[in-house]
Amino acid sequence: MSTETTDTPERNLGTQPLDAIIIEHALGNHDLVAVCAEPLTHKAVQRARKGRRLTTHMKRRIAEALNKAVTLQGKTLERELQVSDLFTY
């Protein structure tokens, strides 16, 4: 038997900055799901927090939902959070 290496990308990339921001603002996964105008599931938010690879579109969707959720709490951000602020990949 031979062991072959595959060139598949790593799926689990560790806890993302998104997780710390959600905790910092005392939000939960449901808060993002509730305010998102587009379809977003609790499972997708959890996967994003844990560092599972998401599509670019899904990352954008989560960033928009997070910005909206923070704003609805009455907090103001210095600037709107971008995908690059939330994900390390």
N, C-alpha and C. Protein backbone atom coordinates (compact mmCIF):
# COMPACT_ATOMS: atom_id res chain seq x y z
N MET A 1 0.83 -1.19 0.00
CA MET A 1 0.00 0.00 0.00
C MET A 1 0.87 1.25 0.00
N SER A 2 0.47 2.20 -0.76
CA SER A 2 1.21 3.45 -0.78
C SER A 2 0.34 4.55 -0.18
N THR A 3 0.97 5.46 0.47
CA THR A 3 0.22 6.59 1.03
C THR A 3 0.40 7.76 0.08
N GLU A 4 -0.72 8.26 -0.36
CA GLU A 4 -0.69 9.39 -1.28
C GLU A 4 -1.07 10.65 -0.53
N THR A 5 -0.43 11.72 -0.88
CA THR A 5 -0.81 13.00 -0.31
C THR A 5 -1.72 13.71 -1.29
N THR A 6 -2.73 14.31 -0.77
CA THR A 6 -3.65 15.04 -1.63
C THR A 6 -3.44 16.53 -1.43
N ASP A 7 -3.79 17.27 -2.43
CA ASP A 7 -3.65 18.72 -2.36
C ASP A 7 -4.95 19.39 -1.96
N THR A 8 -5.72 18.75 -1.08
CA THR A 8 -6.96 19.36 -0.63
C THR A 8 -6.65 20.40 0.42
N PRO A 9 -7.37 21.52 0.38
CA PRO A 9 -7.12 22.57 1.36
C PRO A 9 -7.58 22.15 2.76
N GLU A 10 -6.94 22.69 3.75
CA GLU A 10 -7.32 22.42 5.13
C GLU A 10 -8.71 22.98 5.38
N ARG A 11 -9.57 22.20 6.02
CA ARG A 11 -10.95 22.64 6.27
C ARG A 11 -11.10 23.35 7.59
N ASN A 12 -10.45 22.85 8.61
CA ASN A 12 -10.58 23.45 9.94
C ASN A 12 -9.41 24.40 10.17
N LEU A 13 -9.72 25.67 10.24
CA LEU A 13 -8.67 26.68 10.33
C LEU A 13 -8.60 27.34 11.70
N GLY A 14 -9.25 26.77 12.68
CA GLY A 14 -9.19 27.31 14.04
C GLY A 14 -10.16 28.45 14.25
N THR A 15 -10.35 28.78 15.49
CA THR A 15 -11.28 29.84 15.86
C THR A 15 -10.89 31.14 15.15
N GLN A 16 -11.88 31.79 14.60
CA GLN A 16 -11.67 33.00 13.81
C GLN A 16 -11.89 34.26 14.65
N PRO A 17 -11.37 35.40 14.21
CA PRO A 17 -11.61 36.67 14.91
C PRO A 17 -13.10 36.98 15.06
N LEU A 18 -13.91 36.48 14.16
CA LEU A 18 -15.37 36.65 14.24
C LEU A 18 -15.89 36.20 15.60
N ASP A 19 -15.38 35.09 16.11
CA ASP A 19 -15.83 34.54 17.38
C ASP A 19 -15.59 35.54 18.52
N ALA A 20 -14.42 36.12 18.57
CA ALA A 20 -14.09 37.08 19.63
C ALA A 20 -14.96 38.34 19.53
N ILE A 21 -15.24 38.77 18.32
CA ILE A 21 -16.07 39.97 18.13
C ILE A 21 -17.51 39.70 18.58
N ILE A 22 -18.02 38.52 18.26
CA ILE A 22 -19.37 38.16 18.70
C ILE A 22 -19.44 38.12 20.22
N ILE A 23 -18.43 37.53 20.86
CA ILE A 23 -18.40 37.46 22.32
C ILE A 23 -18.26 38.86 22.92
N GLU A 24 -17.39 39.67 22.33
CA GLU A 24 -17.16 41.04 22.82
C GLU A 24 -18.44 41.87 22.84
N HIS A 25 -19.28 41.68 21.85
CA HIS A 25 -20.52 42.45 21.76
C HIS A 25 -21.71 41.73 22.38
N ALA A 26 -21.45 40.64 23.11
CA ALA A 26 -22.48 39.87 23.81
C ALA A 26 -23.59 39.43 22.87
N LEU A 27 -23.19 38.93 21.70
CA LEU A 27 -24.15 38.43 20.72
C LEU A 27 -24.10 36.92 20.70
N GLY A 28 -25.10 36.33 20.09
CA GLY A 28 -25.12 34.90 19.88
C GLY A 28 -25.35 34.61 18.41
N ASN A 29 -25.27 33.36 18.05
CA ASN A 29 -25.49 32.98 16.66
C ASN A 29 -26.88 33.41 16.20
N HIS A 30 -27.85 33.27 17.08
CA HIS A 30 -29.23 33.61 16.71
C HIS A 30 -29.38 35.10 16.38
N ASP A 31 -28.63 35.95 17.05
CA ASP A 31 -28.72 37.38 16.78
C ASP A 31 -28.35 37.68 15.32
N LEU A 32 -27.35 37.01 14.80
CA LEU A 32 -26.94 37.21 13.41
C LEU A 32 -27.99 36.63 12.46
N VAL A 33 -28.48 35.45 12.78
CA VAL A 33 -29.49 34.81 11.92
C VAL A 33 -30.76 35.67 11.87
N ALA A 34 -31.15 36.23 13.00
CA ALA A 34 -32.40 37.00 13.08
C ALA A 34 -32.36 38.28 12.26
N VAL A 35 -31.20 38.93 12.18
CA VAL A 35 -31.14 40.23 11.48
C VAL A 35 -30.75 40.12 10.02
N CYS A 36 -30.31 38.95 9.59
CA CYS A 36 -29.84 38.80 8.22
C CYS A 36 -31.00 38.82 7.24
N ALA A 37 -30.88 39.67 6.22
CA ALA A 37 -31.92 39.78 5.20
C ALA A 37 -31.90 38.59 4.25
N GLU A 38 -30.74 38.00 4.06
CA GLU A 38 -30.60 36.84 3.18
C GLU A 38 -30.64 35.57 4.03
N PRO A 39 -30.84 34.41 3.40
CA PRO A 39 -30.86 33.17 4.18
C PRO A 39 -29.53 32.92 4.89
N LEU A 40 -29.61 32.69 6.19
CA LEU A 40 -28.44 32.40 7.00
C LEU A 40 -28.88 31.45 8.10
N THR A 41 -28.12 30.40 8.32
CA THR A 41 -28.50 29.42 9.34
C THR A 41 -27.58 29.50 10.54
N HIS A 42 -28.06 28.97 11.65
CA HIS A 42 -27.25 28.91 12.86
C HIS A 42 -26.00 28.05 12.61
N LYS A 43 -26.18 27.01 11.82
CA LYS A 43 -25.07 26.11 11.51
C LYS A 43 -23.97 26.85 10.74
N ALA A 44 -24.35 27.70 9.81
CA ALA A 44 -23.36 28.46 9.03
C ALA A 44 -22.58 29.42 9.93
N VAL A 45 -23.27 30.06 10.86
CA VAL A 45 -22.59 30.99 11.77
C VAL A 45 -21.63 30.21 12.67
N GLN A 46 -22.05 29.06 13.16
CA GLN A 46 -21.19 28.25 14.01
C GLN A 46 -19.96 27.77 13.25
N ARG A 47 -20.16 27.36 12.01
CA ARG A 47 -19.03 26.93 11.18
C ARG A 47 -18.06 28.08 10.96
N ALA A 48 -18.58 29.28 10.75
CA ALA A 48 -17.73 30.46 10.56
C ALA A 48 -16.91 30.75 11.80
N ARG A 49 -17.52 30.64 12.96
CA ARG A 49 -16.82 30.91 14.22
C ARG A 49 -15.71 29.90 14.47
N LYS A 50 -15.94 28.65 14.11
CA LYS A 50 -14.98 27.58 14.38
C LYS A 50 -13.88 27.49 13.32
N GLY A 51 -14.03 28.19 12.21
CA GLY A 51 -12.98 28.22 11.21
C GLY A 51 -13.14 27.23 10.08
N ARG A 52 -14.35 26.75 9.85
CA ARG A 52 -14.58 25.91 8.67
C ARG A 52 -14.64 26.83 7.46
N ARG A 53 -14.13 26.36 6.35
CA ARG A 53 -14.12 27.19 5.13
C ARG A 53 -15.53 27.50 4.66
N LEU A 54 -15.76 28.76 4.33
CA LEU A 54 -17.03 29.21 3.78
C LEU A 54 -16.77 29.87 2.44
N THR A 55 -17.83 29.96 1.65
CA THR A 55 -17.71 30.66 0.38
C THR A 55 -17.55 32.15 0.65
N THR A 56 -17.04 32.85 -0.32
CA THR A 56 -16.87 34.30 -0.19
C THR A 56 -18.21 34.97 0.04
N HIS A 57 -19.24 34.50 -0.65
CA HIS A 57 -20.57 35.08 -0.50
C HIS A 57 -21.10 34.89 0.92
N MET A 58 -20.90 33.71 1.49
CA MET A 58 -21.38 33.45 2.85
C MET A 58 -20.61 34.29 3.86
N LYS A 59 -19.31 34.48 3.65
CA LYS A 59 -18.53 35.33 4.55
C LYS A 59 -19.05 36.77 4.50
N ARG A 60 -19.37 37.26 3.31
CA ARG A 60 -19.93 38.60 3.16
C ARG A 60 -21.27 38.72 3.88
N ARG A 61 -22.08 37.69 3.74
CA ARG A 61 -23.41 37.66 4.36
C ARG A 61 -23.27 37.74 5.89
N ILE A 62 -22.33 37.01 6.45
CA ILE A 62 -22.11 37.01 7.89
C ILE A 62 -21.59 38.37 8.35
N ALA A 63 -20.70 38.98 7.59
CA ALA A 63 -20.18 40.31 7.93
C ALA A 63 -21.30 41.34 7.96
N GLU A 64 -22.18 41.30 6.97
CA GLU A 64 -23.30 42.24 6.93
C GLU A 64 -24.24 42.03 8.11
N ALA A 65 -24.51 40.77 8.44
CA ALA A 65 -25.40 40.47 9.57
C ALA A 65 -24.77 40.93 10.88
N LEU A 66 -23.47 40.74 11.04
CA LEU A 66 -22.80 41.17 12.27
C LEU A 66 -22.84 42.68 12.42
N ASN A 67 -22.57 43.40 11.35
CA ASN A 67 -22.64 44.87 11.40
C ASN A 67 -24.04 45.33 11.79
N LYS A 68 -25.04 44.71 11.22
CA LYS A 68 -26.43 45.08 11.50
C LYS A 68 -26.79 44.75 12.95
N ALA A 69 -26.37 43.59 13.45
CA ALA A 69 -26.68 43.17 14.82
C ALA A 69 -26.03 44.11 15.84
N VAL A 70 -24.80 44.51 15.59
CA VAL A 70 -24.11 45.44 16.51
C VAL A 70 -24.81 46.79 16.51
N THR A 71 -25.21 47.26 15.35
CA THR A 71 -25.90 48.54 15.23
C THR A 71 -27.24 48.51 15.95
N LEU A 72 -27.96 47.41 15.84
CA LEU A 72 -29.27 47.30 16.49
C LEU A 72 -29.15 47.27 18.01
N GLN A 73 -27.99 46.95 18.53
CA GLN A 73 -27.75 46.98 19.97
C GLN A 73 -27.56 48.41 20.46
N GLY A 74 -27.50 49.34 19.55
CA GLY A 74 -27.29 50.73 19.92
C GLY A 74 -25.82 51.11 20.01
N LYS A 75 -24.95 50.21 19.63
CA LYS A 75 -23.51 50.49 19.66
C LYS A 75 -23.09 51.02 18.31
N THR A 76 -22.06 51.83 18.33
CA THR A 76 -21.52 52.32 17.06
C THR A 76 -20.11 51.78 16.89
N LEU A 77 -19.80 51.46 15.67
CA LEU A 77 -18.46 50.98 15.33
C LEU A 77 -17.67 52.12 14.71
N GLU A 78 -16.36 52.11 14.91
CA GLU A 78 -15.51 53.12 14.29
C GLU A 78 -15.67 53.07 12.78
N ARG A 79 -15.70 51.85 12.28
CA ARG A 79 -15.92 51.63 10.85
C ARG A 79 -16.63 50.29 10.71
N GLU A 80 -17.29 50.11 9.61
CA GLU A 80 -17.99 48.86 9.37
C GLU A 80 -17.00 47.71 9.27
N LEU A 81 -17.31 46.60 9.92
CA LEU A 81 -16.43 45.43 9.88
C LEU A 81 -16.45 44.79 8.50
N GLN A 82 -15.28 44.46 8.00
CA GLN A 82 -15.14 43.83 6.69
C GLN A 82 -14.85 42.35 6.86
N VAL A 83 -14.98 41.60 5.79
CA VAL A 83 -14.69 40.16 5.81
C VAL A 83 -13.27 39.92 6.30
N SER A 84 -12.33 40.74 5.88
CA SER A 84 -10.93 40.57 6.29
C SER A 84 -10.72 40.79 7.79
N ASP A 85 -11.63 41.51 8.45
CA ASP A 85 -11.56 41.70 9.89
C ASP A 85 -12.05 40.48 10.66
N LEU A 86 -12.86 39.66 10.00
CA LEU A 86 -13.54 38.56 10.68
C LEU A 86 -12.92 37.19 10.43
N PHE A 87 -12.23 37.06 9.31
CA PHE A 87 -11.70 35.75 8.92
C PHE A 87 -10.21 35.85 8.60
N THR A 88 -9.45 34.81 8.94
CA THR A 88 -8.02 34.80 8.68
C THR A 88 -7.65 34.08 7.39
N TYR A 89 -8.65 33.61 6.67
CA TYR A 89 -8.36 32.90 5.41
C TYR A 89 -9.04 33.55 4.25
